[in-house]
Amino acid sequence: MMSFWSLRCAVQAVRAGEVIAYPTEAVFGLGCDPFNEEAVL
């Protein structure tokens, strides 16, 4: 489970156009703002 501060940092990073990594059941996933072209590329 993510802590409040971890989630807050992740939200700030995504809003800043950065890519984040997050754990899933087996591997790490990558996430970004899908509407930010620079983040997706």
PDB file of N, CA and C in Angstrom:
ATOM      1  N   MET A   1       0.842  -1.179   0.000  1.00  0.00           N
ATOM      2  CA  MET A   1       0.000   0.000   0.000  1.00  0.00           C
ATOM      3  C   MET A   1       0.886   1.240   0.000  1.00  0.00           C
ATOM      4  N   MET A   2       0.529   2.212  -0.823  1.00  0.00           N
ATOM      5  CA  MET A   2       1.306   3.450  -0.900  1.00  0.00           C
ATOM      6  C   MET A   2       0.964   4.353   0.276  1.00  0.00           C
ATOM      7  N   SER A   3       1.977   5.015   0.794  1.00  0.00           N
ATOM      8  CA  SER A   3       1.733   5.992   1.842  1.00  0.00           C
ATOM      9  C   SER A   3       1.213   7.282   1.206  1.00  0.00           C
ATOM     10  N   PHE A   4       0.678   8.139   2.034  1.00  0.00           N
ATOM     11  CA  PHE A   4       0.180   9.426   1.557  1.00  0.00           C
ATOM     12  C   PHE A   4       1.281  10.199   0.854  1.00  0.00           C
ATOM     13  N   TRP A   5       2.480  10.203   1.427  1.00  0.00           N
ATOM     14  CA  TRP A   5       3.584  10.984   0.865  1.00  0.00           C
ATOM     15  C   TRP A   5       4.085  10.398  -0.444  1.00  0.00           C
ATOM     16  N   SER A   6       4.098   9.079  -0.562  1.00  0.00           N
ATOM     17  CA  SER A   6       4.495   8.448  -1.824  1.00  0.00           C
ATOM     18  C   SER A   6       3.511   8.809  -2.929  1.00  0.00           C
ATOM     19  N   LEU A   7       2.241   8.751  -2.602  1.00  0.00           N
ATOM     20  CA  LEU A   7       1.216   9.097  -3.582  1.00  0.00           C
ATOM     21  C   LEU A   7       1.312  10.564  -3.972  1.00  0.00           C
ATOM     22  N   ARG A   8       1.539  11.415  -3.004  1.00  0.00           N
ATOM     23  CA  ARG A   8       1.668  12.853  -3.278  1.00  0.00           C
ATOM     24  C   ARG A   8       2.842  13.133  -4.209  1.00  0.00           C
ATOM     25  N   CYS A   9       3.975  12.483  -3.967  1.00  0.00           N
ATOM     26  CA  CYS A   9       5.154  12.649  -4.830  1.00  0.00           C
ATOM     27  C   CYS A   9       4.873  12.145  -6.238  1.00  0.00           C
ATOM     28  N   ALA A  10       4.169  11.035  -6.347  1.00  0.00           N
ATOM     29  CA  ALA A  10       3.833  10.485  -7.661  1.00  0.00           C
ATOM     30  C   ALA A  10       2.917  11.436  -8.427  1.00  0.00           C
ATOM     31  N   VAL A  11       1.932  11.989  -7.761  1.00  0.00           N
ATOM     32  CA  VAL A  11       1.008  12.928  -8.407  1.00  0.00           C
ATOM     33  C   VAL A  11       1.758  14.166  -8.877  1.00  0.00           C
ATOM     34  N   GLN A  12       2.634  14.699  -8.055  1.00  0.00           N
ATOM     35  CA  GLN A  12       3.406  15.878  -8.437  1.00  0.00           C
ATOM     36  C   GLN A  12       4.292  15.584  -9.639  1.00  0.00           C
ATOM     37  N   ALA A  13       4.900  14.411  -9.672  1.00  0.00           N
ATOM     38  CA  ALA A  13       5.765  14.036 -10.788  1.00  0.00           C
ATOM     39  C   ALA A  13       4.964  13.930 -12.082  1.00  0.00           C
ATOM     40  N   VAL A  14       3.811  13.281 -12.031  1.00  0.00           N
ATOM     41  CA  VAL A  14       2.979  13.139 -13.234  1.00  0.00           C
ATOM     42  C   VAL A  14       2.510  14.508 -13.712  1.00  0.00           C
ATOM     43  N   ARG A  15       2.111  15.360 -12.811  1.00  0.00           N
ATOM     44  CA  ARG A  15       1.670  16.709 -13.190  1.00  0.00           C
ATOM     45  C   ARG A  15       2.801  17.526 -13.797  1.00  0.00           C
ATOM     46  N   ALA A  16       4.050  17.215 -13.416  1.00  0.00           N
ATOM     47  CA  ALA A  16       5.218  17.916 -13.952  1.00  0.00           C
ATOM     48  C   ALA A  16       5.682  17.322 -15.280  1.00  0.00           C
ATOM     49  N   GLY A  17       4.970  16.313 -15.774  1.00  0.00           N
ATOM     50  CA  GLY A  17       5.323  15.720 -17.059  1.00  0.00           C
ATOM     51  C   GLY A  17       6.337  14.605 -16.973  1.00  0.00           C
ATOM     52  N   GLU A  18       6.579  14.098 -15.791  1.00  0.00           N
ATOM     53  CA  GLU A  18       7.548  13.024 -15.611  1.00  0.00           C
ATOM     54  C   GLU A  18       6.873  11.660 -15.718  1.00  0.00           C
ATOM     55  N   VAL A  19       7.702  10.641 -15.887  1.00  0.00           N
ATOM     56  CA  VAL A  19       7.231   9.261 -15.923  1.00  0.00           C
ATOM     57  C   VAL A  19       7.505   8.649 -14.556  1.00  0.00           C
ATOM     58  N   ILE A  20       6.554   7.889 -14.029  1.00  0.00           N
ATOM     59  CA  ILE A  20       6.734   7.238 -12.733  1.00  0.00           C
ATOM     60  C   ILE A  20       6.747   5.720 -12.910  1.00  0.00           C
ATOM     61  N   ALA A  21       7.363   5.037 -11.973  1.00  0.00           N
ATOM     62  CA  ALA A  21       7.340   3.574 -11.925  1.00  0.00           C
ATOM     63  C   ALA A  21       6.579   3.180 -10.668  1.00  0.00           C
ATOM     64  N   TYR A  22       5.729   2.163 -10.791  1.00  0.00           N
ATOM     65  CA  TYR A  22       4.942   1.711  -9.646  1.00  0.00           C
ATOM     66  C   TYR A  22       4.874   0.192  -9.644  1.00  0.00           C
ATOM     67  N   PRO A  23       4.856  -0.415  -8.466  1.00  0.00           N
ATOM     68  CA  PRO A  23       4.841  -1.880  -8.392  1.00  0.00           C
ATOM     69  C   PRO A  23       3.464  -2.453  -8.720  1.00  0.00           C
ATOM     70  N   THR A  24       3.474  -3.577  -9.414  1.00  0.00           N
ATOM     71  CA  THR A  24       2.262  -4.358  -9.645  1.00  0.00           C
ATOM     72  C   THR A  24       2.493  -5.718  -8.993  1.00  0.00           C
ATOM     73  N   GLU A  25       1.681  -6.696  -9.291  1.00  0.00           N
ATOM     74  CA  GLU A  25       1.840  -8.009  -8.658  1.00  0.00           C
ATOM     75  C   GLU A  25       3.147  -8.687  -9.038  1.00  0.00           C
ATOM     76  N   ALA A  26       3.592  -8.524 -10.286  1.00  0.00           N
ATOM     77  CA  ALA A  26       4.767  -9.267 -10.741  1.00  0.00           C
ATOM     78  C   ALA A  26       5.929  -8.384 -11.191  1.00  0.00           C
ATOM     79  N   VAL A  27       5.642  -7.229 -11.749  1.00  0.00           N
ATOM     80  CA  VAL A  27       6.684  -6.361 -12.305  1.00  0.00           C
ATOM     81  C   VAL A  27       6.364  -4.913 -11.954  1.00  0.00           C
ATOM     82  N   PHE A  28       7.208  -4.009 -12.391  1.00  0.00           N
ATOM     83  CA  PHE A  28       6.927  -2.590 -12.221  1.00  0.00           C
ATOM     84  C   PHE A  28       6.228  -2.067 -13.468  1.00  0.00           C
ATOM     85  N   GLY A  29       5.262  -1.193 -13.271  1.00  0.00           N
ATOM     86  CA  GLY A  29       4.577  -0.542 -14.378  1.00  0.00           C
ATOM     87  C   GLY A  29       5.103   0.873 -14.525  1.00  0.00           C
ATOM     88  N   LEU A  30       4.922   1.443 -15.696  1.00  0.00           N
ATOM     89  CA  LEU A  30       5.298   2.829 -15.947  1.00  0.00           C
ATOM     90  C   LEU A  30       4.032   3.637 -16.163  1.00  0.00           C
ATOM     91  N   GLY A  31       4.027   4.848 -15.645  1.00  0.00           N
ATOM     92  CA  GLY A  31       2.857   5.696 -15.783  1.00  0.00           C
ATOM     93  C   GLY A  31       3.243   7.127 -16.095  1.00  0.00           C
ATOM     94  N   CYS A  32       2.359   7.823 -16.794  1.00  0.00           N
ATOM     95  CA  CYS A  32       2.547   9.238 -17.105  1.00  0.00           C
ATOM     96  C   CYS A  32       1.188   9.828 -17.456  1.00  0.00           C
ATOM     97  N   ASP A  33       1.159  11.108 -17.705  1.00  0.00           N
ATOM     98  CA  ASP A  33      -0.060  11.785 -18.136  1.00  0.00           C
ATOM     99  C   ASP A  33      -0.263  11.478 -19.618  1.00  0.00           C
ATOM    100  N   PRO A  34      -1.305  10.741 -19.991  1.00  0.00           N
ATOM    101  CA  PRO A  34      -1.487  10.366 -21.393  1.00  0.00           C
ATOM    102  C   PRO A  34      -1.809  11.547 -22.307  1.00  0.00           C
ATOM    103  N   PHE A  35      -2.160  12.688 -21.733  1.00  0.00           N
ATOM    104  CA  PHE A  35      -2.470  13.864 -22.531  1.00  0.00           C
ATOM    105  C   PHE A  35      -1.263  14.779 -22.707  1.00  0.00           C
ATOM    106  N   ASN A  36      -0.128  14.419 -22.111  1.00  0.00           N
ATOM    107  CA  ASN A  36       1.110  15.186 -22.230  1.00  0.00           C
ATOM    108  C   ASN A  36       1.993  14.492 -23.262  1.00  0.00           C
ATOM    109  N   GLU A  37       2.086  15.069 -24.462  1.00  0.00           N
ATOM    110  CA  GLU A  37       2.816  14.435 -25.561  1.00  0.00           C
ATOM    111  C   GLU A  37       4.284  14.197 -25.216  1.00  0.00           C
ATOM    112  N   GLU A  38       4.929  15.134 -24.537  1.00  0.00           N
ATOM    113  CA  GLU A  38       6.342  14.971 -24.179  1.00  0.00           C
ATOM    114  C   GLU A  38       6.540  13.813 -23.210  1.00  0.00           C
ATOM    115  N   ALA A  39       5.619  13.610 -22.305  1.00  0.00           N
ATOM    116  CA  ALA A  39       5.746  12.516 -21.340  1.00  0.00           C
ATOM    117  C   ALA A  39       5.563  11.168 -22.018  1.00  0.00           C
ATOM    118  N   VAL A  40       4.671  11.111 -22.995  1.00  0.00           N
ATOM    119  CA  VAL A  40       4.392   9.848 -23.675  1.00  0.00           C
ATOM    120  C   VAL A  40       5.535   9.461 -24.594  1.00  0.00           C
ATOM    121  N   LEU A  41       6.151  10.424 -25.241  1.00  0.00           N
ATOM    122  CA  LEU A  41       7.249  10.128 -26.161  1.00  0.00           C
ATOM    123  C   LEU A  41       8.500   9.882 -25.382  1.00  0.00           C
TER     124      LEU A  41
END
